[in-house]
Amino acid sequence: MDLIFPHTFVPWFRSVAPYIHAYRGKTFVVALVGEAIAAGKLNSFVQDVAILHAMGIKLVLVHGFRPQVNEQLAAKGQSSRFSHGMRITDAVALDCAQEAAGQLRFEIEAAFSQGLPNTPMANATVRVVSGNFLTARPVGIIDGIDFQQSGLVRRVDAAAIGRAIDTGAIVLLSPFGFSPTGEAFNLTMEEVATSTAIELQADKLIFLTEVPGVREDRNDPESPIDTELALADAERLLASLPSPTQPTDVAFYLKHCVKACSEGVERSHILPFAVDGALLMEVYTHDGIGTMVVDEKLESLREATSDDIGGILQLIEPFEKDGTLVKRDRTEIERDIDHYTVIEHDGVIFGCAALYPYPEAKTGEMAALTVSNSVQGQGDGERILKRIEQRARAMGLTSIFVLTTRTMHWFIKRGFQQVDPDWLPEARKRKYNWDRRSQVLVKLLK
C-alpha cells in the first residue's frame, strides 16, 4: 500500500462525514436513463446506490428505457415515433415497452443481488421492491396527434412506497402505469420520477442523464457547468428556452427539476451518467458535479449563532495547529459568538471571521478569518471580508485591522496597508503578543 494513502484518505473521509450525518434517514428519488444501462453503466450505478443505502438513505429508483424500446421496435421492423418529447405508443410499441421493462427490471434486481468479494456489493443486503404503485391516465390527443397508449401519472401510492422504504427496501419503479380499469399505459421516466418525488416530498430528486448539466453559457458547449441554480433563476432560464423535444435539450430535464422544487422537493439534480461515481460526488462533496436546482441558495453568508460553535471549532482547528491562527478555546468562542460571521453550505460551516470593535478608536479587528482548504480559491474569503466591512460600517467604524503572520499579501491585495503595532488601539495594544511578531494591516472604510 502506498504510504501516503492514509494521509489522503483520513482527511477525505472526515470531510464526507457531515454529509453522511445530514442525509441519514432522508428520502432520495433517483432516476436513471435507459441510455446509461445501454452504455454498460448499470453495475457501477447499482454499487453507488448500495453505498447510499448503507449510509441510511431511503431510496426510490426509476429506470428509463427509451433505447431498449427503440431496439425492440427495430427488431420487429417498426420505427419509433415521438412528438412533444413523448413516445406515440401504439399496440406494438406497448408490447415492446412491456418487454423492455421486464428485462430491465430483471437486470436491475439481479445487479442488486450480487455480492462479489472486493466490490462495494460485498456483505451488502439490499432488498428491492416493485409493484403497482402508479395509477395512469391517457395523454389523449394533442395538436391532432393521438398518443394512444402513452400515459400520464394520475396518482402515486406514496403511502405504500413510504412503508416499503421505511423497512429498508429500495423501491424500483418502471415507467408503466395502469388505469382503474386495468389498462396499461407507457409513461415517461422523467414524469414518474418527478411525480413520485413530489408525492413523497423527497429531499432530493436526482436524474442521471445523457447531459452533464446546465452550462453557464447556454450557447457554448464547452462552457463550465452551472453547479447551483436558485429556483427563481431556473424558472427564468426555462421561460427563455424553446420547448424541449429531445433529452439533449437543456430544458428537457430542467423543467422537471423546476416542477419538483416548486412543489416541495428541496433539491433536484441533473448529473452525467458518463462520469463514474457522479452520484456519490454529487451527494458527498461540497460542489458536486452536475447542476442542482434549489428553492433558495444553499450557501448562506450570515451572522453566527450558538449552534455554529462546534462547526467553527472544527473549521479553525487545523489552522491553529499549523500556527496560522492563534488558538481559541471553546469558552472564548461561546462568549464571542455574536462577533462571528460564517459561510454555511448545506448545514456545514466552510468559512468564518470575527469582528471585535474598538468604538473609542472607530476601528475594529477582524480575527480568525478562515476558509476551509476544500473550498479555497472560490472567493469565500472575499465574501466574508465584505460582510465584515458592512458590519463595521453599520457600527460607525472607519477602519478595520488584522494581525497576521502568514497571509499579509492576501490582505494587501484587498486594500490593507501595513502599519506599526503602535497604531493599535490602547486596549488591543495591551494584548499584542510581541513574541509572535504579527504584522498589523489596516483598511480604511469608504
Protein backbone atom coordinates (compact mmCIF):
# COMPACT_ATOMS: atom_id res chain seq x y z
CA MET A 1 0.00 0.00 0.00
CA ASP A 2 1.21 3.49 -0.81
CA LEU A 3 2.37 5.05 2.48
CA ILE A 4 0.72 8.38 1.61
CA PHE A 5 -2.69 6.78 1.33
CA PRO A 6 -3.75 7.18 5.00
CA HIS A 7 -2.82 10.86 4.89
CA THR A 8 -5.17 11.45 1.98
CA PHE A 9 -7.91 9.02 2.94
CA VAL A 10 -8.44 10.16 6.53
CA PRO A 11 -8.96 13.90 5.78
CA TRP A 12 -11.18 12.99 2.84
CA PHE A 13 -13.32 10.63 4.92
CA ARG A 14 -13.66 13.22 7.66
CA SER A 15 -14.79 15.80 5.08
CA VAL A 16 -17.52 13.38 3.95
CA ALA A 17 -18.82 12.75 7.47
CA PRO A 18 -21.03 15.88 7.70
CA TYR A 19 -22.93 14.76 4.59
CA ILE A 20 -23.35 11.24 5.97
CA HIS A 21 -24.92 12.71 9.10
CA ALA A 22 -27.02 15.20 7.12
CA TYR A 23 -28.58 12.65 4.75
CA ARG A 24 -29.14 9.67 7.04
CA GLY A 25 -32.87 8.94 7.03
CA LYS A 26 -33.55 11.28 4.09
CA THR A 27 -35.50 10.22 1.00
CA PHE A 28 -33.99 10.37 -2.48
CA VAL A 29 -35.70 9.59 -5.78
CA VAL A 30 -33.02 8.59 -8.29
CA ALA A 31 -33.85 8.29 -11.99
CA LEU A 32 -31.53 6.50 -14.42
CA VAL A 33 -31.97 6.91 -18.16
CA GLY A 34 -32.09 3.78 -20.31
CA GLU A 35 -29.09 5.10 -22.25
CA ALA A 36 -26.92 4.57 -19.15
CA ILE A 37 -27.92 0.92 -18.96
CA ALA A 38 -27.30 0.50 -22.70
CA ALA A 39 -23.84 2.03 -22.17
CA GLY A 40 -22.94 -0.62 -19.59
CA LYS A 41 -23.19 1.64 -16.54
CA LEU A 42 -25.70 -0.46 -14.57
CA ASN A 43 -23.29 -2.31 -12.27
CA SER A 44 -21.36 0.79 -11.20
CA PHE A 45 -24.65 2.65 -10.68
CA VAL A 46 -26.05 -0.15 -8.51
CA GLN A 47 -22.86 -0.24 -6.45
CA ASP A 48 -23.09 3.51 -5.79
CA VAL A 49 -26.77 3.23 -4.89
CA ALA A 50 -25.90 0.39 -2.49
CA ILE A 51 -23.42 2.74 -0.78
CA LEU A 52 -26.12 5.41 -0.37
CA HIS A 53 -28.41 2.70 1.05
CA ALA A 54 -25.71 1.61 3.51
CA MET A 55 -25.40 5.24 4.64
CA GLY A 56 -29.04 5.20 5.75
CA ILE A 57 -30.65 6.99 2.79
CA LYS A 58 -34.16 5.90 1.79
CA LEU A 59 -34.25 5.27 -1.95
CA VAL A 60 -36.73 5.07 -4.78
CA LEU A 61 -35.26 4.19 -8.18
CA VAL A 62 -36.92 4.90 -11.51
CA HIS A 63 -35.43 3.49 -14.70
CA GLY A 64 -35.90 4.71 -18.23
CA PHE A 65 -35.98 2.50 -21.34
CA ARG A 66 -36.01 4.70 -24.45
CA PRO A 67 -33.16 2.94 -26.33
CA GLN A 68 -34.34 -0.52 -25.24
CA VAL A 69 -37.84 0.09 -26.62
CA ASN A 70 -36.36 1.53 -29.81
CA GLU A 71 -34.27 -1.63 -30.17
CA GLN A 72 -37.29 -3.88 -29.66
CA LEU A 73 -39.27 -1.92 -32.25
CA ALA A 74 -36.42 -2.09 -34.77
CA ALA A 75 -36.18 -5.86 -34.28
CA LYS A 76 -39.85 -6.06 -35.26
CA GLY A 77 -39.35 -3.85 -38.27
CA GLN A 78 -41.16 -0.92 -36.68
CA SER A 79 -39.98 2.68 -36.32
CA SER A 80 -40.08 4.80 -33.18
CA ARG A 81 -42.41 7.79 -33.26
CA PHE A 82 -42.16 10.78 -30.96
CA SER A 83 -43.95 14.10 -30.62
CA HIS A 84 -43.90 16.82 -27.96
CA GLY A 85 -41.00 14.97 -26.34
CA MET A 86 -43.12 11.82 -25.78
CA ARG A 87 -43.38 8.47 -27.49
CA ILE A 88 -46.50 7.70 -29.50
CA THR A 89 -47.35 4.27 -28.14
CA ASP A 90 -49.37 2.05 -30.45
CA ALA A 91 -50.10 -1.62 -29.67
CA VAL A 92 -46.74 -2.81 -31.00
CA ALA A 93 -44.82 -0.13 -29.10
CA LEU A 94 -46.71 -1.03 -25.92
CA ASP A 95 -45.67 -4.69 -26.28
CA CYS A 96 -42.07 -3.61 -26.84
CA ALA A 97 -42.20 -1.33 -23.78
CA GLN A 98 -43.52 -4.15 -21.61
CA GLU A 99 -40.80 -6.50 -22.83
CA ALA A 100 -38.09 -3.89 -22.28
CA ALA A 101 -39.37 -3.00 -18.81
CA GLY A 102 -39.49 -6.65 -17.75
CA GLN A 103 -35.96 -7.30 -18.98
CA LEU A 104 -34.55 -4.17 -17.33
CA ARG A 105 -36.28 -4.87 -14.05
CA PHE A 106 -34.76 -8.37 -14.09
CA GLU A 107 -31.27 -6.96 -14.80
CA ILE A 108 -31.53 -4.31 -12.07
CA GLU A 109 -32.76 -6.75 -9.42
CA ALA A 110 -30.00 -9.19 -10.38
CA ALA A 111 -27.38 -6.45 -10.06
CA PHE A 112 -28.58 -5.65 -6.53
CA SER A 113 -28.35 -9.33 -5.62
CA GLN A 114 -24.66 -9.71 -6.41
CA GLY A 115 -22.20 -9.86 -3.55
CA LEU A 116 -18.81 -10.38 -5.14
CA PRO A 117 -15.80 -10.01 -2.81
CA ASN A 118 -13.67 -6.89 -3.26
CA THR A 119 -16.60 -4.89 -4.67
CA PRO A 120 -18.87 -2.34 -2.97
CA MET A 121 -21.60 -5.01 -3.00
CA ALA A 122 -19.66 -7.39 -0.72
CA ASN A 123 -21.61 -8.02 2.51
CA ALA A 124 -24.45 -5.87 1.21
CA THR A 125 -28.04 -7.00 1.71
CA VAL A 126 -30.26 -4.88 -0.49
CA ARG A 127 -33.91 -5.79 -0.90
CA VAL A 128 -35.63 -4.39 -4.00
CA VAL A 129 -39.42 -4.00 -4.06
CA SER A 130 -41.51 -3.39 -7.17
CA GLY A 131 -45.27 -3.10 -7.53
CA ASN A 132 -48.27 -1.33 -8.97
CA PHE A 133 -47.58 1.94 -7.19
CA LEU A 134 -48.68 4.14 -10.10
CA THR A 135 -52.13 4.90 -11.49
CA ALA A 136 -52.16 6.37 -15.00
CA ARG A 137 -54.41 8.14 -17.45
CA PRO A 138 -54.07 8.57 -21.23
CA VAL A 139 -52.24 11.53 -22.75
CA GLY A 140 -55.02 11.65 -25.33
CA ILE A 141 -54.88 13.80 -28.45
CA ILE A 142 -52.60 16.85 -28.56
CA ASP A 143 -52.47 19.14 -31.61
CA GLY A 144 -54.26 16.48 -33.61
CA ILE A 145 -51.82 13.70 -32.63
CA ASP A 146 -53.26 10.64 -30.90
CA PHE A 147 -50.72 9.36 -28.39
CA GLN A 148 -52.73 6.10 -27.99
CA GLN A 149 -51.24 4.09 -25.07
CA SER A 150 -48.91 6.83 -23.87
CA GLY A 151 -49.99 7.99 -20.46
CA LEU A 152 -49.53 10.49 -17.66
CA VAL A 153 -49.28 9.84 -13.94
CA ARG A 154 -52.68 10.12 -12.30
CA ARG A 155 -51.68 9.10 -8.79
CA VAL A 156 -48.65 7.81 -6.87
CA ASP A 157 -49.31 5.50 -3.93
CA ALA A 158 -46.96 7.43 -1.69
CA ALA A 159 -48.16 5.68 1.48
CA ALA A 160 -47.27 2.23 0.14
CA ILE A 161 -43.90 3.42 -1.17
CA GLY A 162 -43.21 5.10 2.17
CA ARG A 163 -43.94 1.90 4.08
CA ALA A 164 -41.61 -0.07 1.82
CA ILE A 165 -38.63 2.30 2.11
CA ASP A 166 -39.18 2.62 5.86
CA THR A 167 -38.46 -1.12 6.14
CA GLY A 168 -35.08 -0.60 4.47
CA ALA A 169 -36.09 -1.78 0.99
CA ILE A 170 -35.32 0.07 -2.21
CA VAL A 171 -38.42 0.69 -4.32
CA LEU A 172 -37.94 0.19 -8.06
CA LEU A 173 -40.39 1.85 -10.43
CA SER A 174 -40.71 1.21 -14.16
CA PRO A 175 -42.31 3.90 -16.35
CA PHE A 176 -45.57 2.00 -16.53
CA GLY A 177 -48.94 2.74 -15.01
CA PHE A 178 -52.40 1.21 -15.04
CA SER A 179 -55.81 2.79 -15.15
CA PRO A 180 -58.51 1.80 -12.65
CA THR A 181 -59.88 -0.49 -15.37
CA GLY A 182 -56.53 -2.30 -15.72
CA GLU A 183 -55.47 -0.67 -18.98
CA ALA A 184 -51.67 -0.30 -19.32
CA PHE A 185 -50.00 2.98 -20.25
CA ASN A 186 -46.45 3.77 -21.25
CA LEU A 187 -45.19 6.67 -19.10
CA THR A 188 -42.02 8.75 -19.22
CA MET A 189 -39.30 8.08 -16.68
CA GLU A 190 -38.95 11.81 -16.05
CA GLU A 191 -42.61 12.31 -15.14
CA VAL A 192 -42.72 9.18 -12.97
CA ALA A 193 -39.65 10.30 -11.01
CA THR A 194 -40.88 13.88 -10.61
CA SER A 195 -44.40 12.89 -9.56
CA THR A 196 -43.03 10.36 -7.07
CA ALA A 197 -40.59 12.86 -5.56
CA ILE A 198 -43.37 15.42 -5.15
CA GLU A 199 -45.80 12.97 -3.57
CA LEU A 200 -43.15 11.69 -1.17
CA GLN A 201 -41.88 15.26 -0.54
CA ALA A 202 -38.45 13.77 -1.14
CA ASP A 203 -35.30 15.54 -0.01
CA LYS A 204 -33.68 15.05 -3.42
CA LEU A 205 -34.71 14.20 -6.98
CA ILE A 206 -31.69 13.09 -9.00
CA PHE A 207 -31.58 12.49 -12.76
CA LEU A 208 -28.58 10.57 -14.12
CA THR A 209 -28.73 11.61 -17.75
CA GLU A 210 -27.04 11.98 -21.11
CA VAL A 211 -26.26 15.65 -20.39
CA PRO A 212 -23.65 16.91 -17.90
CA GLY A 213 -25.95 19.60 -16.50
CA VAL A 214 -26.88 23.17 -17.39
CA ARG A 215 -23.96 25.16 -18.77
CA GLU A 216 -23.24 28.72 -17.60
CA ASP A 217 -23.17 29.87 -21.24
CA ARG A 218 -26.11 28.13 -22.90
CA ASN A 219 -24.63 28.74 -26.37
CA ASP A 220 -21.18 27.35 -25.63
CA PRO A 221 -20.98 23.53 -25.41
CA GLU A 222 -17.61 23.82 -23.64
CA SER A 223 -18.82 26.33 -21.04
CA PRO A 224 -18.48 25.29 -17.35
CA ILE A 225 -21.46 23.63 -15.69
CA ASP A 226 -23.62 25.87 -13.51
CA THR A 227 -23.44 23.81 -10.32
CA GLU A 228 -26.27 25.56 -8.48
CA LEU A 229 -29.37 27.34 -9.73
CA ALA A 230 -31.80 29.08 -7.43
CA LEU A 231 -35.35 28.09 -8.33
CA ALA A 232 -36.21 31.63 -9.45
CA ASP A 233 -33.19 31.67 -11.79
CA ALA A 234 -34.06 28.23 -13.15
CA GLU A 235 -37.64 29.37 -13.83
CA ARG A 236 -36.39 32.43 -15.72
CA LEU A 237 -34.00 30.30 -17.76
CA LEU A 238 -36.72 27.78 -18.55
CA ALA A 239 -39.05 30.54 -19.74
CA SER A 240 -36.37 31.75 -22.18
CA LEU A 241 -35.78 28.33 -23.75
CA PRO A 242 -37.76 26.65 -26.54
CA SER A 243 -39.98 23.73 -25.59
CA PRO A 244 -37.79 20.61 -25.43
CA THR A 245 -38.27 17.84 -27.98
CA GLN A 246 -35.39 15.51 -27.11
CA PRO A 247 -33.41 14.57 -23.98
CA THR A 248 -30.32 16.53 -25.01
CA ASP A 249 -32.27 19.81 -24.98
CA VAL A 250 -31.34 21.96 -21.97
CA ALA A 251 -34.96 22.30 -20.90
CA PHE A 252 -35.77 18.57 -21.07
CA TYR A 253 -34.72 17.68 -17.52
CA LEU A 254 -34.64 21.22 -16.20
CA LYS A 255 -38.43 21.57 -16.47
CA HIS A 256 -38.86 18.52 -14.23
CA CYS A 257 -36.32 19.86 -11.72
CA VAL A 258 -38.18 23.17 -11.59
CA LYS A 259 -41.55 21.46 -11.17
CA ALA A 260 -40.24 19.29 -8.34
CA CYS A 261 -38.66 22.17 -6.41
CA SER A 262 -41.68 24.41 -6.89
CA GLU A 263 -43.88 21.69 -5.36
CA GLY A 264 -41.91 20.90 -2.22
CA VAL A 265 -38.85 18.85 -3.17
CA GLU A 266 -35.88 20.53 -1.53
CA ARG A 267 -33.31 19.93 -4.27
CA SER A 268 -33.25 18.44 -7.74
CA HIS A 269 -30.18 17.45 -9.72
CA ILE A 270 -29.07 16.78 -13.30
CA LEU A 271 -25.97 14.55 -13.38
CA PRO A 272 -23.96 12.96 -16.21
CA PHE A 273 -24.06 9.16 -16.12
CA ALA A 274 -20.85 9.15 -18.21
CA VAL A 275 -18.82 10.28 -15.18
CA ASP A 276 -18.02 7.32 -12.96
CA GLY A 277 -19.26 7.94 -9.41
CA ALA A 278 -21.27 11.04 -10.35
CA LEU A 279 -23.99 10.09 -7.85
CA LEU A 280 -21.54 9.83 -4.96
CA MET A 281 -19.72 13.02 -5.93
CA GLU A 282 -22.96 15.00 -6.05
CA VAL A 283 -24.17 13.75 -2.68
CA TYR A 284 -20.95 13.67 -0.68
CA THR A 285 -18.79 16.56 -1.94
CA HIS A 286 -19.15 20.30 -1.46
CA ASP A 287 -19.50 21.38 -5.08
CA GLY A 288 -20.94 18.21 -6.59
CA ILE A 289 -20.61 17.57 -10.30
CA GLY A 290 -23.81 18.38 -12.18
CA THR A 291 -26.46 21.10 -11.84
CA MET A 292 -28.59 21.42 -8.72
CA VAL A 293 -31.83 23.39 -8.58
CA VAL A 294 -32.78 24.54 -5.10
CA ASP A 295 -35.61 26.68 -3.80
CA GLU A 296 -33.06 29.06 -2.28
CA LYS A 297 -29.29 29.28 -2.33
CA LEU A 298 -27.81 26.55 -0.14
CA GLU A 299 -24.72 28.62 0.60
CA SER A 300 -25.58 31.35 3.04
CA LEU A 301 -23.41 34.13 4.46
CA ARG A 302 -24.81 35.07 7.84
CA GLU A 303 -24.10 36.02 11.42
CA ALA A 304 -23.20 33.08 13.65
CA THR A 305 -25.39 31.57 16.37
CA SER A 306 -24.60 29.30 19.29
CA ASP A 307 -25.46 26.32 17.08
CA ASP A 308 -22.38 27.14 14.97
CA ILE A 309 -19.80 26.85 17.76
CA GLY A 310 -18.92 23.23 17.02
CA GLY A 311 -18.60 23.91 13.29
CA ILE A 312 -16.34 26.93 13.88
CA LEU A 313 -14.08 24.95 16.21
CA GLN A 314 -13.78 22.14 13.66
CA LEU A 315 -13.02 24.64 10.89
CA ILE A 316 -10.28 26.59 12.66
CA GLU A 317 -8.57 23.67 14.44
CA PRO A 318 -6.17 22.73 11.55
CA PHE A 319 -5.13 26.38 11.15
CA GLU A 320 -4.46 26.69 14.87
CA LYS A 321 -2.31 23.56 14.79
CA ASP A 322 -0.09 24.83 11.96
CA GLY A 323 0.27 28.26 13.59
CA THR A 324 -1.73 30.26 11.04
CA LEU A 325 -4.26 31.24 13.71
CA VAL A 326 -3.91 31.97 17.40
CA LYS A 327 -5.55 29.19 19.41
CA ARG A 328 -9.02 29.95 20.79
CA ASP A 329 -10.77 27.68 23.23
CA ARG A 330 -14.45 26.81 23.16
CA THR A 331 -15.27 29.12 26.08
CA GLU A 332 -13.84 32.11 24.22
CA ILE A 333 -15.81 31.33 21.05
CA GLU A 334 -19.01 30.76 23.05
CA ARG A 335 -18.53 34.14 24.74
CA ASP A 336 -17.83 35.94 21.46
CA ILE A 337 -20.18 34.08 19.10
CA ASP A 338 -22.11 37.28 18.33
CA HIS A 339 -18.93 38.71 16.79
CA TYR A 340 -18.67 35.90 14.20
CA THR A 341 -19.82 35.74 10.59
CA VAL A 342 -19.98 32.33 8.88
CA ILE A 343 -20.45 30.84 5.43
CA GLU A 344 -22.62 27.75 5.63
CA HIS A 345 -23.26 25.33 2.78
CA ASP A 346 -25.87 22.62 3.23
CA GLY A 347 -25.51 22.70 7.02
CA VAL A 348 -21.68 22.68 7.04
CA ILE A 349 -19.54 25.69 8.08
CA PHE A 350 -16.89 26.37 5.40
CA GLY A 351 -15.72 29.84 6.41
CA CYS A 352 -15.78 32.27 9.32
CA ALA A 353 -14.38 35.52 10.73
CA ALA A 354 -14.98 37.64 13.84
CA LEU A 355 -15.22 41.42 14.23
CA TYR A 356 -14.11 42.93 17.55
CA PRO A 357 -15.00 46.65 17.64
CA TYR A 358 -12.98 49.34 19.39
CA PRO A 359 -15.55 52.18 19.23
CA GLU A 360 -13.35 54.71 21.02
CA ALA A 361 -10.83 54.46 18.16
CA LYS A 362 -13.51 53.99 15.49
CA THR A 363 -11.84 50.79 14.32
CA GLY A 364 -12.39 47.06 14.65
CA GLU A 365 -10.27 43.92 14.49
CA MET A 366 -11.14 41.19 12.01
CA ALA A 367 -9.93 37.97 13.61
CA ALA A 368 -9.99 34.24 12.83
CA LEU A 369 -10.65 34.72 9.10
CA THR A 370 -10.73 31.12 7.93
CA VAL A 371 -11.85 29.30 4.79
CA SER A 372 -11.79 25.51 4.58
CA ASN A 373 -8.98 24.07 2.44
CA SER A 374 -11.61 22.16 0.44
CA VAL A 375 -13.14 25.37 -0.99
CA GLN A 376 -10.24 27.81 -1.07
CA GLY A 377 -9.86 29.83 -4.26
CA GLN A 378 -13.62 30.20 -4.80
CA GLY A 379 -13.99 33.72 -3.39
CA ASP A 380 -15.43 32.83 0.02
CA GLY A 381 -12.69 34.75 1.83
CA GLU A 382 -13.57 37.93 -0.04
CA ARG A 383 -17.28 37.44 0.63
CA ILE A 384 -16.60 37.17 4.37
CA LEU A 385 -14.34 40.24 4.25
CA LYS A 386 -17.07 42.28 2.55
CA ARG A 387 -19.61 41.22 5.18
CA ILE A 388 -17.23 42.17 7.98
CA GLU A 389 -16.73 45.57 6.33
CA GLN A 390 -20.51 46.02 6.17
CA ARG A 391 -20.86 45.16 9.85
CA ALA A 392 -18.06 47.59 10.74
CA ARG A 393 -19.67 50.45 8.79
CA ALA A 394 -23.01 49.74 10.48
CA MET A 395 -21.24 50.21 13.83
CA GLY A 396 -19.88 53.58 12.71
CA LEU A 397 -16.28 52.34 12.39
CA THR A 398 -13.98 53.98 9.86
CA SER A 399 -11.42 51.19 9.54
CA ILE A 400 -10.74 47.55 10.26
CA PHE A 401 -7.41 45.90 11.04
CA VAL A 402 -5.96 42.40 11.10
CA LEU A 403 -2.97 40.77 12.75
CA THR A 404 -1.29 38.11 10.65
CA THR A 405 1.99 36.23 10.36
CA ARG A 406 1.39 34.36 7.09
CA THR A 407 -1.31 35.92 4.92
CA MET A 408 -0.07 39.50 4.66
CA HIS A 409 -0.07 39.58 0.83
CA TRP A 410 -3.70 38.39 0.61
CA PHE A 411 -4.81 41.38 2.68
CA ILE A 412 -2.59 43.88 0.88
CA LYS A 413 -4.16 42.84 -2.44
CA ARG A 414 -7.53 43.73 -0.91
CA GLY A 415 -6.72 47.25 0.18
CA PHE A 416 -4.98 46.78 3.52
CA GLN A 417 -1.82 48.70 4.39
CA GLN A 418 0.86 47.71 6.87
CA VAL A 419 1.27 49.89 9.96
CA ASP A 420 3.42 49.80 13.09
CA PRO A 421 1.92 47.90 16.08
CA ASP A 422 1.91 51.21 17.95
CA TRP A 423 -1.03 52.17 15.69
CA LEU A 424 -3.26 49.69 17.54
CA PRO A 425 -5.94 50.98 19.94
CA GLU A 426 -4.65 51.05 23.50
CA ALA A 427 -6.92 48.22 24.64
CA ARG A 428 -5.66 45.98 21.81
CA LYS A 429 -2.03 47.07 22.17
CA ARG A 430 -2.02 45.76 25.75
CA LYS A 431 -2.90 42.27 24.41
CA TYR A 432 -0.44 42.33 21.50
CA ASN A 433 1.94 39.33 21.57
CA TRP A 434 5.36 40.81 20.79
CA ASP A 435 6.89 37.32 20.65
CA ARG A 436 4.57 36.29 17.81
CA ARG A 437 5.54 39.47 15.89
CA SER A 438 2.28 39.59 13.93
CA GLN A 439 2.06 42.11 11.11
CA VAL A 440 -0.63 44.78 11.60
CA LEU A 441 -2.59 45.70 8.50
CA VAL A 442 -5.32 48.35 8.27
CA LYS A 443 -8.03 49.06 5.72
CA LEU A 444 -9.90 52.37 5.66
CA LEU A 445 -13.63 52.01 5.07
CA LYS A 446 -15.05 54.35 2.47
